[in-house]
Amino acid sequence: MEGYVSIPELMEYMKREGLVFAKETDLGHLKLREQYLRRKSLKYKEIADAKLWGDLSKKGVEAIAKRMLEPHEIFMKEKTYYVHISAIERIAKLKGIL
C-alpha cells in the first residue's frame, strides 16, 4: 500500500468490515481463552482469568459453578476443583460469550 489513506475512508472501511481498534493488553484474555479451550478441564481461577463466563472473580465463577454445573461436570484433584471444558463451553454459550 502506497501513499496516504484518508481517515474517514479508513473509518468507513473498518465499520463496514466490523473492525475496531484495541490495545493489545485489552486482548490478553482472548489469548488465554484460546490456550485454555484446548485443555480437557480448567480450574476456577483459569476460567476467571480467561473471562470465559464474563468478567468475574474466582468466587464469582465458583458461585456459577455451584448453581449451574451437574455433579459429573466437576471433579476435585489435589484439593482443587476442575470443570470439564464441555461444561465451560455450555455455560459460556448460555451467557452469550462463546
PDB file of N, CA and C in Angstrom:
ATOM      1  N   MET A   1       0.845  -1.166   0.000  1.00  0.00           N
ATOM      2  CA  MET A   1       0.000   0.000   0.000  1.00  0.00           C
ATOM      3  C   MET A   1       0.896   1.236   0.000  1.00  0.00           C
ATOM      4  N   GLU A   2       0.678   2.082  -0.955  1.00  0.00           N
ATOM      5  CA  GLU A   2       1.480   3.297  -1.066  1.00  0.00           C
ATOM      6  C   GLU A   2       0.594   4.521  -0.905  1.00  0.00           C
ATOM      7  N   GLY A   3       1.226   5.598  -0.552  1.00  0.00           N
ATOM      8  CA  GLY A   3       0.511   6.855  -0.457  1.00  0.00           C
ATOM      9  C   GLY A   3      -0.152   7.020   0.897  1.00  0.00           C
ATOM     10  N   TYR A   4      -1.146   7.882   0.908  1.00  0.00           N
ATOM     11  CA  TYR A   4      -1.841   8.211   2.137  1.00  0.00           C
ATOM     12  C   TYR A   4      -3.232   7.613   2.132  1.00  0.00           C
ATOM     13  N   VAL A   5      -3.735   7.373   3.316  1.00  0.00           N
ATOM     14  CA  VAL A   5      -5.099   6.880   3.482  1.00  0.00           C
ATOM     15  C   VAL A   5      -5.870   7.943   4.251  1.00  0.00           C
ATOM     16  N   SER A   6      -7.026   8.288   3.753  1.00  0.00           N
ATOM     17  CA  SER A   6      -7.816   9.292   4.475  1.00  0.00           C
ATOM     18  C   SER A   6      -8.481   8.625   5.682  1.00  0.00           C
ATOM     19  N   ILE A   7      -8.499   9.337   6.754  1.00  0.00           N
ATOM     20  CA  ILE A   7      -9.076   8.808   7.995  1.00  0.00           C
ATOM     21  C   ILE A   7     -10.555   8.464   7.821  1.00  0.00           C
ATOM     22  N   PRO A   8     -11.357   9.330   7.195  1.00  0.00           N
ATOM     23  CA  PRO A   8     -12.768   8.972   7.013  1.00  0.00           C
ATOM     24  C   PRO A   8     -12.952   7.686   6.196  1.00  0.00           C
ATOM     25  N   GLU A   9     -12.125   7.491   5.169  1.00  0.00           N
ATOM     26  CA  GLU A   9     -12.219   6.265   4.377  1.00  0.00           C
ATOM     27  C   GLU A   9     -11.846   5.052   5.223  1.00  0.00           C
ATOM     28  N   LEU A  10     -10.786   5.196   6.024  1.00  0.00           N
ATOM     29  CA  LEU A  10     -10.357   4.105   6.903  1.00  0.00           C
ATOM     30  C   LEU A  10     -11.451   3.763   7.905  1.00  0.00           C
ATOM     31  N   MET A  11     -12.042   4.767   8.512  1.00  0.00           N
ATOM     32  CA  MET A  11     -13.100   4.532   9.485  1.00  0.00           C
ATOM     33  C   MET A  11     -14.318   3.882   8.840  1.00  0.00           C
ATOM     34  N   GLU A  12     -14.668   4.313   7.647  1.00  0.00           N
ATOM     35  CA  GLU A  12     -15.808   3.725   6.933  1.00  0.00           C
ATOM     36  C   GLU A  12     -15.527   2.260   6.608  1.00  0.00           C
ATOM     37  N   TYR A  13     -14.300   1.979   6.152  1.00  0.00           N
ATOM     38  CA  TYR A  13     -13.903   0.601   5.852  1.00  0.00           C
ATOM     39  C   TYR A  13     -13.981  -0.273   7.107  1.00  0.00           C
ATOM     40  N   MET A  14     -13.477   0.257   8.224  1.00  0.00           N
ATOM     41  CA  MET A  14     -13.489  -0.518   9.463  1.00  0.00           C
ATOM     42  C   MET A  14     -14.919  -0.783   9.937  1.00  0.00           C
ATOM     43  N   LYS A  15     -15.799   0.195   9.817  1.00  0.00           N
ATOM     44  CA  LYS A  15     -17.202  -0.013  10.184  1.00  0.00           C
ATOM     45  C   LYS A  15     -17.834  -1.082   9.305  1.00  0.00           C
ATOM     46  N   ARG A  16     -17.571  -0.985   8.011  1.00  0.00           N
ATOM     47  CA  ARG A  16     -18.149  -1.921   7.047  1.00  0.00           C
ATOM     48  C   ARG A  16     -17.696  -3.351   7.327  1.00  0.00           C
ATOM     49  N   GLU A  17     -16.435  -3.525   7.716  1.00  0.00           N
ATOM     50  CA  GLU A  17     -15.869  -4.855   7.966  1.00  0.00           C
ATOM     51  C   GLU A  17     -16.031  -5.311   9.419  1.00  0.00           C
ATOM     52  N   GLY A  18     -16.591  -4.466  10.264  1.00  0.00           N
ATOM     53  CA  GLY A  18     -16.780  -4.825  11.662  1.00  0.00           C
ATOM     54  C   GLY A  18     -15.483  -4.851  12.456  1.00  0.00           C
ATOM     55  N   LEU A  19     -14.533  -3.996  12.085  1.00  0.00           N
ATOM     56  CA  LEU A  19     -13.235  -3.951  12.753  1.00  0.00           C
ATOM     57  C   LEU A  19     -13.197  -2.815  13.766  1.00  0.00           C
ATOM     58  N   VAL A  20     -12.370  -2.985  14.794  1.00  0.00           N
ATOM     59  CA  VAL A  20     -12.203  -1.955  15.806  1.00  0.00           C
ATOM     60  C   VAL A  20     -10.735  -1.841  16.196  1.00  0.00           C
ATOM     61  N   PHE A  21     -10.366  -0.704  16.772  1.00  0.00           N
ATOM     62  CA  PHE A  21      -9.037  -0.532  17.338  1.00  0.00           C
ATOM     63  C   PHE A  21      -9.081  -1.032  18.776  1.00  0.00           C
ATOM     64  N   ALA A  22      -8.024  -1.733  19.209  1.00  0.00           N
ATOM     65  CA  ALA A  22      -7.956  -2.193  20.596  1.00  0.00           C
ATOM     66  C   ALA A  22      -6.504  -2.296  21.030  1.00  0.00           C
ATOM     67  N   LYS A  23      -6.266  -2.050  22.304  1.00  0.00           N
ATOM     68  CA  LYS A  23      -4.932  -2.233  22.846  1.00  0.00           C
ATOM     69  C   LYS A  23      -4.645  -3.725  22.958  1.00  0.00           C
ATOM     70  N   GLU A  24      -3.406  -4.085  22.761  1.00  0.00           N
ATOM     71  CA  GLU A  24      -3.026  -5.488  22.882  1.00  0.00           C
ATOM     72  C   GLU A  24      -3.265  -5.990  24.301  1.00  0.00           C
ATOM     73  N   THR A  25      -3.065  -5.131  25.283  1.00  0.00           N
ATOM     74  CA  THR A  25      -3.268  -5.546  26.672  1.00  0.00           C
ATOM     75  C   THR A  25      -4.730  -5.857  26.962  1.00  0.00           C
ATOM     76  N   ASP A  26      -5.654  -5.219  26.238  1.00  0.00           N
ATOM     77  CA  ASP A  26      -7.076  -5.487  26.422  1.00  0.00           C
ATOM     78  C   ASP A  26      -7.488  -6.836  25.834  1.00  0.00           C
ATOM     79  N   LEU A  27      -6.656  -7.404  25.000  1.00  0.00           N
ATOM     80  CA  LEU A  27      -6.988  -8.661  24.332  1.00  0.00           C
ATOM     81  C   LEU A  27      -6.281  -9.864  24.943  1.00  0.00           C
ATOM     82  N   GLY A  28      -5.600  -9.667  26.057  1.00  0.00           N
ATOM     83  CA  GLY A  28      -4.861 -10.751  26.697  1.00  0.00           C
ATOM     84  C   GLY A  28      -5.728 -11.933  27.067  1.00  0.00           C
ATOM     85  N   HIS A  29      -6.967 -11.672  27.528  1.00  0.00           N
ATOM     86  CA  HIS A  29      -7.846 -12.772  27.906  1.00  0.00           C
ATOM     87  C   HIS A  29      -8.251 -13.625  26.702  1.00  0.00           C
ATOM     88  N   LEU A  30      -8.218 -13.049  25.499  1.00  0.00           N
ATOM     89  CA  LEU A  30      -8.560 -13.835  24.309  1.00  0.00           C
ATOM     90  C   LEU A  30      -7.484 -14.875  24.008  1.00  0.00           C
ATOM     91  N   LYS A  31      -6.211 -14.516  24.239  1.00  0.00           N
ATOM     92  CA  LYS A  31      -5.129 -15.484  24.055  1.00  0.00           C
ATOM     93  C   LYS A  31      -5.247 -16.599  25.075  1.00  0.00           C
ATOM     94  N   LEU A  32      -5.536 -16.224  26.324  1.00  0.00           N
ATOM     95  CA  LEU A  32      -5.728 -17.231  27.370  1.00  0.00           C
ATOM     96  C   LEU A  32      -6.895 -18.143  27.025  1.00  0.00           C
ATOM     97  N   ARG A  33      -7.976 -17.545  26.549  1.00  0.00           N
ATOM     98  CA  ARG A  33      -9.169 -18.323  26.190  1.00  0.00           C
ATOM     99  C   ARG A  33      -8.818 -19.372  25.138  1.00  0.00           C
ATOM    100  N   GLU A  34      -8.080 -18.955  24.129  1.00  0.00           N
ATOM    101  CA  GLU A  34      -7.682 -19.878  23.064  1.00  0.00           C
ATOM    102  C   GLU A  34      -6.826 -21.022  23.612  1.00  0.00           C
ATOM    103  N   GLN A  35      -5.868 -20.689  24.476  1.00  0.00           N
ATOM    104  CA  GLN A  35      -5.000 -21.713  25.072  1.00  0.00           C
ATOM    105  C   GLN A  35      -5.796 -22.659  25.952  1.00  0.00           C
ATOM    106  N   TYR A  36      -6.626 -22.105  26.810  1.00  0.00           N
ATOM    107  CA  TYR A  36      -7.346 -22.915  27.782  1.00  0.00           C
ATOM    108  C   TYR A  36      -8.387 -23.830  27.143  1.00  0.00           C
ATOM    109  N   LEU A  37      -9.019 -23.391  26.069  1.00  0.00           N
ATOM    110  CA  LEU A  37     -10.061 -24.210  25.459  1.00  0.00           C
ATOM    111  C   LEU A  37      -9.499 -25.443  24.751  1.00  0.00           C
ATOM    112  N   ARG A  38      -8.199 -25.542  24.651  1.00  0.00           N
ATOM    113  CA  ARG A  38      -7.577 -26.755  24.099  1.00  0.00           C
ATOM    114  C   ARG A  38      -7.454 -27.852  25.156  1.00  0.00           C
ATOM    115  N   ARG A  39      -7.586 -27.473  26.415  1.00  0.00           N
ATOM    116  CA  ARG A  39      -7.446 -28.431  27.512  1.00  0.00           C
ATOM    117  C   ARG A  39      -8.736 -29.210  27.730  1.00  0.00           C
ATOM    118  N   LYS A  40      -8.655 -30.222  28.596  1.00  0.00           N
ATOM    119  CA  LYS A  40      -9.830 -31.037  28.915  1.00  0.00           C
ATOM    120  C   LYS A  40     -10.608 -30.483  30.099  1.00  0.00           C
ATOM    121  N   SER A  41      -9.904 -29.787  31.007  1.00  0.00           N
ATOM    122  CA  SER A  41     -10.573 -29.205  32.169  1.00  0.00           C
ATOM    123  C   SER A  41      -9.786 -27.994  32.660  1.00  0.00           C
ATOM    124  N   LEU A  42     -10.480 -27.131  33.417  1.00  0.00           N
ATOM    125  CA  LEU A  42      -9.859 -25.906  33.928  1.00  0.00           C
ATOM    126  C   LEU A  42     -10.229 -25.681  35.383  1.00  0.00           C
ATOM    127  N   LYS A  43      -9.346 -24.965  36.099  1.00  0.00           N
ATOM    128  CA  LYS A  43      -9.612 -24.537  37.467  1.00  0.00           C
ATOM    129  C   LYS A  43     -10.514 -23.304  37.418  1.00  0.00           C
ATOM    130  N   TYR A  44     -11.147 -23.002  38.557  1.00  0.00           N
ATOM    131  CA  TYR A  44     -11.982 -21.804  38.646  1.00  0.00           C
ATOM    132  C   TYR A  44     -11.174 -20.556  38.289  1.00  0.00           C
ATOM    133  N   LYS A  45      -9.966 -20.460  38.800  1.00  0.00           N
ATOM    134  CA  LYS A  45      -9.103 -19.294  38.561  1.00  0.00           C
ATOM    135  C   LYS A  45      -8.826 -19.115  37.072  1.00  0.00           C
ATOM    136  N   GLU A  46      -8.592 -20.218  36.373  1.00  0.00           N
ATOM    137  CA  GLU A  46      -8.318 -20.148  34.929  1.00  0.00           C
ATOM    138  C   GLU A  46      -9.550 -19.687  34.164  1.00  0.00           C
ATOM    139  N   ILE A  47     -10.723 -20.141  34.582  1.00  0.00           N
ATOM    140  CA  ILE A  47     -11.975 -19.694  33.947  1.00  0.00           C
ATOM    141  C   ILE A  47     -12.136 -18.186  34.141  1.00  0.00           C
ATOM    142  N   ALA A  48     -11.838 -17.709  35.345  1.00  0.00           N
ATOM    143  CA  ALA A  48     -11.960 -16.273  35.627  1.00  0.00           C
ATOM    144  C   ALA A  48     -10.930 -15.460  34.852  1.00  0.00           C
ATOM    145  N   ASP A  49      -9.675 -15.923  34.816  1.00  0.00           N
ATOM    146  CA  ASP A  49      -8.614 -15.186  34.125  1.00  0.00           C
ATOM    147  C   ASP A  49      -8.885 -15.044  32.629  1.00  0.00           C
ATOM    148  N   ALA A  50      -9.432 -16.080  32.013  1.00  0.00           N
ATOM    149  CA  ALA A  50      -9.717 -16.048  30.579  1.00  0.00           C
ATOM    150  C   ALA A  50     -11.071 -15.405  30.266  1.00  0.00           C
ATOM    151  N   LYS A  51     -11.802 -15.017  31.308  1.00  0.00           N
ATOM    152  CA  LYS A  51     -13.119 -14.389  31.166  1.00  0.00           C
ATOM    153  C   LYS A  51     -14.065 -15.249  30.321  1.00  0.00           C
ATOM    154  N   LEU A  52     -14.008 -16.551  30.550  1.00  0.00           N
ATOM    155  CA  LEU A  52     -14.833 -17.471  29.777  1.00  0.00           C
ATOM    156  C   LEU A  52     -16.317 -17.351  30.118  1.00  0.00           C
ATOM    157  N   TRP A  53     -16.635 -16.916  31.328  1.00  0.00           N
ATOM    158  CA  TRP A  53     -18.022 -16.720  31.743  1.00  0.00           C
ATOM    159  C   TRP A  53     -18.311 -15.252  32.006  1.00  0.00           C
ATOM    160  N   GLY A  54     -17.509 -14.374  31.458  1.00  0.00           N
ATOM    161  CA  GLY A  54     -17.674 -12.949  31.679  1.00  0.00           C
ATOM    162  C   GLY A  54     -16.593 -12.429  32.607  1.00  0.00           C
ATOM    163  N   ASP A  55     -16.708 -11.188  32.978  1.00  0.00           N
ATOM    164  CA  ASP A  55     -15.709 -10.541  33.827  1.00  0.00           C
ATOM    165  C   ASP A  55     -16.029 -10.837  35.293  1.00  0.00           C
ATOM    166  N   LEU A  56     -15.603 -12.023  35.746  1.00  0.00           N
ATOM    167  CA  LEU A  56     -15.895 -12.495  37.095  1.00  0.00           C
ATOM    168  C   LEU A  56     -14.612 -12.786  37.854  1.00  0.00           C
ATOM    169  N   SER A  57     -14.724 -12.761  39.168  1.00  0.00           N
ATOM    170  CA  SER A  57     -13.617 -13.192  40.017  1.00  0.00           C
ATOM    171  C   SER A  57     -13.698 -14.717  40.173  1.00  0.00           C
ATOM    172  N   LYS A  58     -12.716 -15.272  40.839  1.00  0.00           N
ATOM    173  CA  LYS A  58     -12.717 -16.708  41.110  1.00  0.00           C
ATOM    174  C   LYS A  58     -13.958 -17.086  41.920  1.00  0.00           C
ATOM    175  N   LYS A  59     -14.316 -16.261  42.894  1.00  0.00           N
ATOM    176  CA  LYS A  59     -15.512 -16.520  43.717  1.00  0.00           C
ATOM    177  C   LYS A  59     -16.784 -16.460  42.884  1.00  0.00           C
ATOM    178  N   GLY A  60     -16.843 -15.549  41.927  1.00  0.00           N
ATOM    179  CA  GLY A  60     -17.999 -15.473  41.044  1.00  0.00           C
ATOM    180  C   GLY A  60     -18.131 -16.709  40.182  1.00  0.00           C
ATOM    181  N   VAL A  61     -17.004 -17.191  39.672  1.00  0.00           N
ATOM    182  CA  VAL A  61     -17.005 -18.422  38.875  1.00  0.00           C
ATOM    183  C   VAL A  61     -17.456 -19.590  39.743  1.00  0.00           C
ATOM    184  N   GLU A  62     -16.968 -19.636  40.970  1.00  0.00           N
ATOM    185  CA  GLU A  62     -17.341 -20.713  41.896  1.00  0.00           C
ATOM    186  C   GLU A  62     -18.847 -20.706  42.166  1.00  0.00           C
ATOM    187  N   ALA A  63     -19.422 -19.526  42.341  1.00  0.00           N
ATOM    188  CA  ALA A  63     -20.863 -19.415  42.586  1.00  0.00           C
ATOM    189  C   ALA A  63     -21.674 -19.919  41.386  1.00  0.00           C
ATOM    190  N   ILE A  64     -21.262 -19.545  40.185  1.00  0.00           N
ATOM    191  CA  ILE A  64     -21.952 -20.013  38.980  1.00  0.00           C
ATOM    192  C   ILE A  64     -21.798 -21.524  38.846  1.00  0.00           C
ATOM    193  N   ALA A  65     -20.605 -22.024  39.129  1.00  0.00           N
ATOM    194  CA  ALA A  65     -20.355 -23.462  39.035  1.00  0.00           C
ATOM    195  C   ALA A  65     -21.262 -24.234  39.984  1.00  0.00           C
ATOM    196  N   LYS A  66     -21.388 -23.776  41.211  1.00  0.00           N
ATOM    197  CA  LYS A  66     -22.243 -24.464  42.182  1.00  0.00           C
ATOM    198  C   LYS A  66     -23.705 -24.450  41.754  1.00  0.00           C
ATOM    199  N   ARG A  67     -24.118 -23.374  41.126  1.00  0.00           N
ATOM    200  CA  ARG A  67     -25.513 -23.217  40.732  1.00  0.00           C
ATOM    201  C   ARG A  67     -25.853 -23.946  39.429  1.00  0.00           C
ATOM    202  N   MET A  68     -24.915 -23.981  38.463  1.00  0.00           N
ATOM    203  CA  MET A  68     -25.265 -24.430  37.116  1.00  0.00           C
ATOM    204  C   MET A  68     -24.639 -25.753  36.678  1.00  0.00           C
ATOM    205  N   LEU A  69     -23.632 -26.234  37.388  1.00  0.00           N
ATOM    206  CA  LEU A  69     -22.963 -27.454  36.938  1.00  0.00           C
ATOM    207  C   LEU A  69     -23.616 -28.708  37.502  1.00  0.00           C
ATOM    208  N   GLU A  70     -23.616 -29.741  36.690  1.00  0.00           N
ATOM    209  CA  GLU A  70     -24.070 -31.062  37.125  1.00  0.00           C
ATOM    210  C   GLU A  70     -22.923 -31.733  37.869  1.00  0.00           C
ATOM    211  N   PRO A  71     -23.210 -32.686  38.746  1.00  0.00           N
ATOM    212  CA  PRO A  71     -22.137 -33.349  39.511  1.00  0.00           C
ATOM    213  C   PRO A  71     -21.061 -34.021  38.646  1.00  0.00           C
ATOM    214  N   HIS A  72     -21.441 -34.523  37.487  1.00  0.00           N
ATOM    215  CA  HIS A  72     -20.456 -35.197  36.626  1.00  0.00           C
ATOM    216  C   HIS A  72     -19.584 -34.225  35.820  1.00  0.00           C
ATOM    217  N   GLU A  73     -19.879 -32.928  35.879  1.00  0.00           N
ATOM    218  CA  GLU A  73     -19.121 -31.934  35.112  1.00  0.00           C
ATOM    219  C   GLU A  73     -17.985 -31.294  35.907  1.00  0.00           C
ATOM    220  N   ILE A  74     -17.851 -31.673  37.160  1.00  0.00           N
ATOM    221  CA  ILE A  74     -16.840 -31.078  38.022  1.00  0.00           C
ATOM    222  C   ILE A  74     -16.161 -32.184  38.822  1.00  0.00           C
ATOM    223  N   PHE A  75     -14.863 -32.019  39.068  1.00  0.00           N
ATOM    224  CA  PHE A  75     -14.150 -33.004  39.873  1.00  0.00           C
ATOM    225  C   PHE A  75     -13.044 -32.322  40.666  1.00  0.00           C
ATOM    226  N   MET A  76     -12.591 -32.999  41.705  1.00  0.00           N
ATOM    227  CA  MET A  76     -11.545 -32.452  42.554  1.00  0.00           C
ATOM    228  C   MET A  76     -10.268 -33.258  42.349  1.00  0.00           C
ATOM    229  N   LYS A  77      -9.174 -32.527  42.212  1.00  0.00           N
ATOM    230  CA  LYS A  77      -7.862 -33.152  42.040  1.00  0.00           C
ATOM    231  C   LYS A  77      -6.884 -32.341  42.875  1.00  0.00           C
ATOM    232  N   GLU A  78      -6.204 -32.992  43.795  1.00  0.00           N
ATOM    233  CA  GLU A  78      -5.228 -32.327  44.662  1.00  0.00           C
ATOM    234  C   GLU A  78      -5.821 -31.093  45.353  1.00  0.00           C
ATOM    235  N   LYS A  79      -6.992 -31.245  45.951  1.00  0.00           N
ATOM    236  CA  LYS A  79      -7.690 -30.198  46.705  1.00  0.00           C
ATOM    237  C   LYS A  79      -8.102 -28.995  45.857  1.00  0.00           C
ATOM    238  N   THR A  80      -8.163 -29.164  44.547  1.00  0.00           N
ATOM    239  CA  THR A  80      -8.565 -28.092  43.636  1.00  0.00           C
ATOM    240  C   THR A  80      -9.696 -28.593  42.747  1.00  0.00           C
ATOM    241  N   TYR A  81     -10.741 -27.784  42.597  1.00  0.00           N
ATOM    242  CA  TYR A  81     -11.847 -28.150  41.721  1.00  0.00           C
ATOM    243  C   TYR A  81     -11.497 -27.855  40.270  1.00  0.00           C
ATOM    244  N   TYR A  82     -11.896 -28.763  39.391  1.00  0.00           N
ATOM    245  CA  TYR A  82     -11.728 -28.618  37.949  1.00  0.00           C
ATOM    246  C   TYR A  82     -13.089 -28.768  37.281  1.00  0.00           C
ATOM    247  N   VAL A  83     -13.285 -28.065  36.191  1.00  0.00           N
ATOM    248  CA  VAL A  83     -14.531 -28.123  35.424  1.00  0.00           C
ATOM    249  C   VAL A  83     -14.192 -28.610  34.025  1.00  0.00           C
ATOM    250  N   HIS A  84     -14.977 -29.574  33.532  1.00  0.00           N
ATOM    251  CA  HIS A  84     -14.760 -30.090  32.176  1.00  0.00           C
ATOM    252  C   HIS A  84     -15.049 -29.003  31.133  1.00  0.00           C
ATOM    253  N   ILE A  85     -14.274 -29.012  30.077  1.00  0.00           N
ATOM    254  CA  ILE A  85     -14.403 -27.998  29.010  1.00  0.00           C
ATOM    255  C   ILE A  85     -15.811 -27.977  28.418  1.00  0.00           C
ATOM    256  N   SER A  86     -16.414 -29.129  28.237  1.00  0.00           N
ATOM    257  CA  SER A  86     -17.761 -29.159  27.657  1.00  0.00           C
ATOM    258  C   SER A  86     -18.744 -28.369  28.523  1.00  0.00           C
ATOM    259  N   ALA A  87     -18.606 -28.458  29.841  1.00  0.00           N
ATOM    260  CA  ALA A  87     -19.477 -27.707  30.745  1.00  0.00           C
ATOM    261  C   ALA A  87     -19.160 -26.212  30.683  1.00  0.00           C
ATOM    262  N   ILE A  88     -17.881 -25.878  30.595  1.00  0.00           N
ATOM    263  CA  ILE A  88     -17.472 -24.469  30.489  1.00  0.00           C
ATOM    264  C   ILE A  88     -18.063 -23.853  29.228  1.00  0.00           C
ATOM    265  N   GLU A  89     -17.956 -24.566  28.122  1.00  0.00           N
ATOM    266  CA  GLU A  89     -18.495 -24.063  26.851  1.00  0.00           C
ATOM    267  C   GLU A  89     -20.018 -23.948  26.906  1.00  0.00           C
ATOM    268  N   ARG A  90     -20.683 -24.915  27.538  1.00  0.00           N
ATOM    269  CA  ARG A  90     -22.146 -24.890  27.637  1.00  0.00           C
ATOM    270  C   ARG A  90     -22.605 -23.630  28.386  1.00  0.00           C
ATOM    271  N   ILE A  91     -21.975 -23.354  29.504  1.00  0.00           N
ATOM    272  CA  ILE A  91     -22.365 -22.179  30.293  1.00  0.00           C
ATOM    273  C   ILE A  91     -22.006 -20.892  29.544  1.00  0.00           C
ATOM    274  N   ALA A  92     -20.859 -20.856  28.896  1.00  0.00           N
ATOM    275  CA  ALA A  92     -20.479 -19.663  28.129  1.00  0.00           C
ATOM    276  C   ALA A  92     -21.478 -19.392  27.006  1.00  0.00           C
ATOM    277  N   LYS A  93     -21.970 -20.442  26.363  1.00  0.00           N
ATOM    278  CA  LYS A  93     -22.969 -20.257  25.307  1.00  0.00           C
ATOM    279  C   LYS A  93     -24.277 -19.753  25.882  1.00  0.00           C
ATOM    280  N   LEU A  94     -24.662 -20.273  27.058  1.00  0.00           N
ATOM    281  CA  LEU A  94     -25.886 -19.797  27.705  1.00  0.00           C
ATOM    282  C   LEU A  94     -25.781 -18.312  28.067  1.00  0.00           C
ATOM    283  N   LYS A  95     -24.588 -17.867  28.434  1.00  0.00           N
ATOM    284  CA  LYS A  95     -24.355 -16.465  28.788  1.00  0.00           C
ATOM    285  C   LYS A  95     -24.092 -15.602  27.564  1.00  0.00           C
ATOM    286  N   GLY A  96     -24.002 -16.215  26.364  1.00  0.00           N
ATOM    287  CA  GLY A  96     -23.781 -15.459  25.131  1.00  0.00           C
ATOM    288  C   GLY A  96     -22.354 -15.007  24.928  1.00  0.00           C
ATOM    289  N   ILE A  97     -21.389 -15.727  25.512  1.00  0.00           N
ATOM    290  CA  ILE A  97     -19.985 -15.326  25.412  1.00  0.00           C
ATOM    291  C   ILE A  97     -19.257 -16.081  24.311  1.00  0.00           C
ATOM    292  N   LEU A  98     -19.531 -17.346  24.166  1.00  0.00           N
ATOM    293  CA  LEU A  98     -18.887 -18.130  23.082  1.00  0.00           C
ATOM    294  C   LEU A  98     -19.844 -18.323  21.939  1.00  0.00           C
TER     295      LEU A  98
END
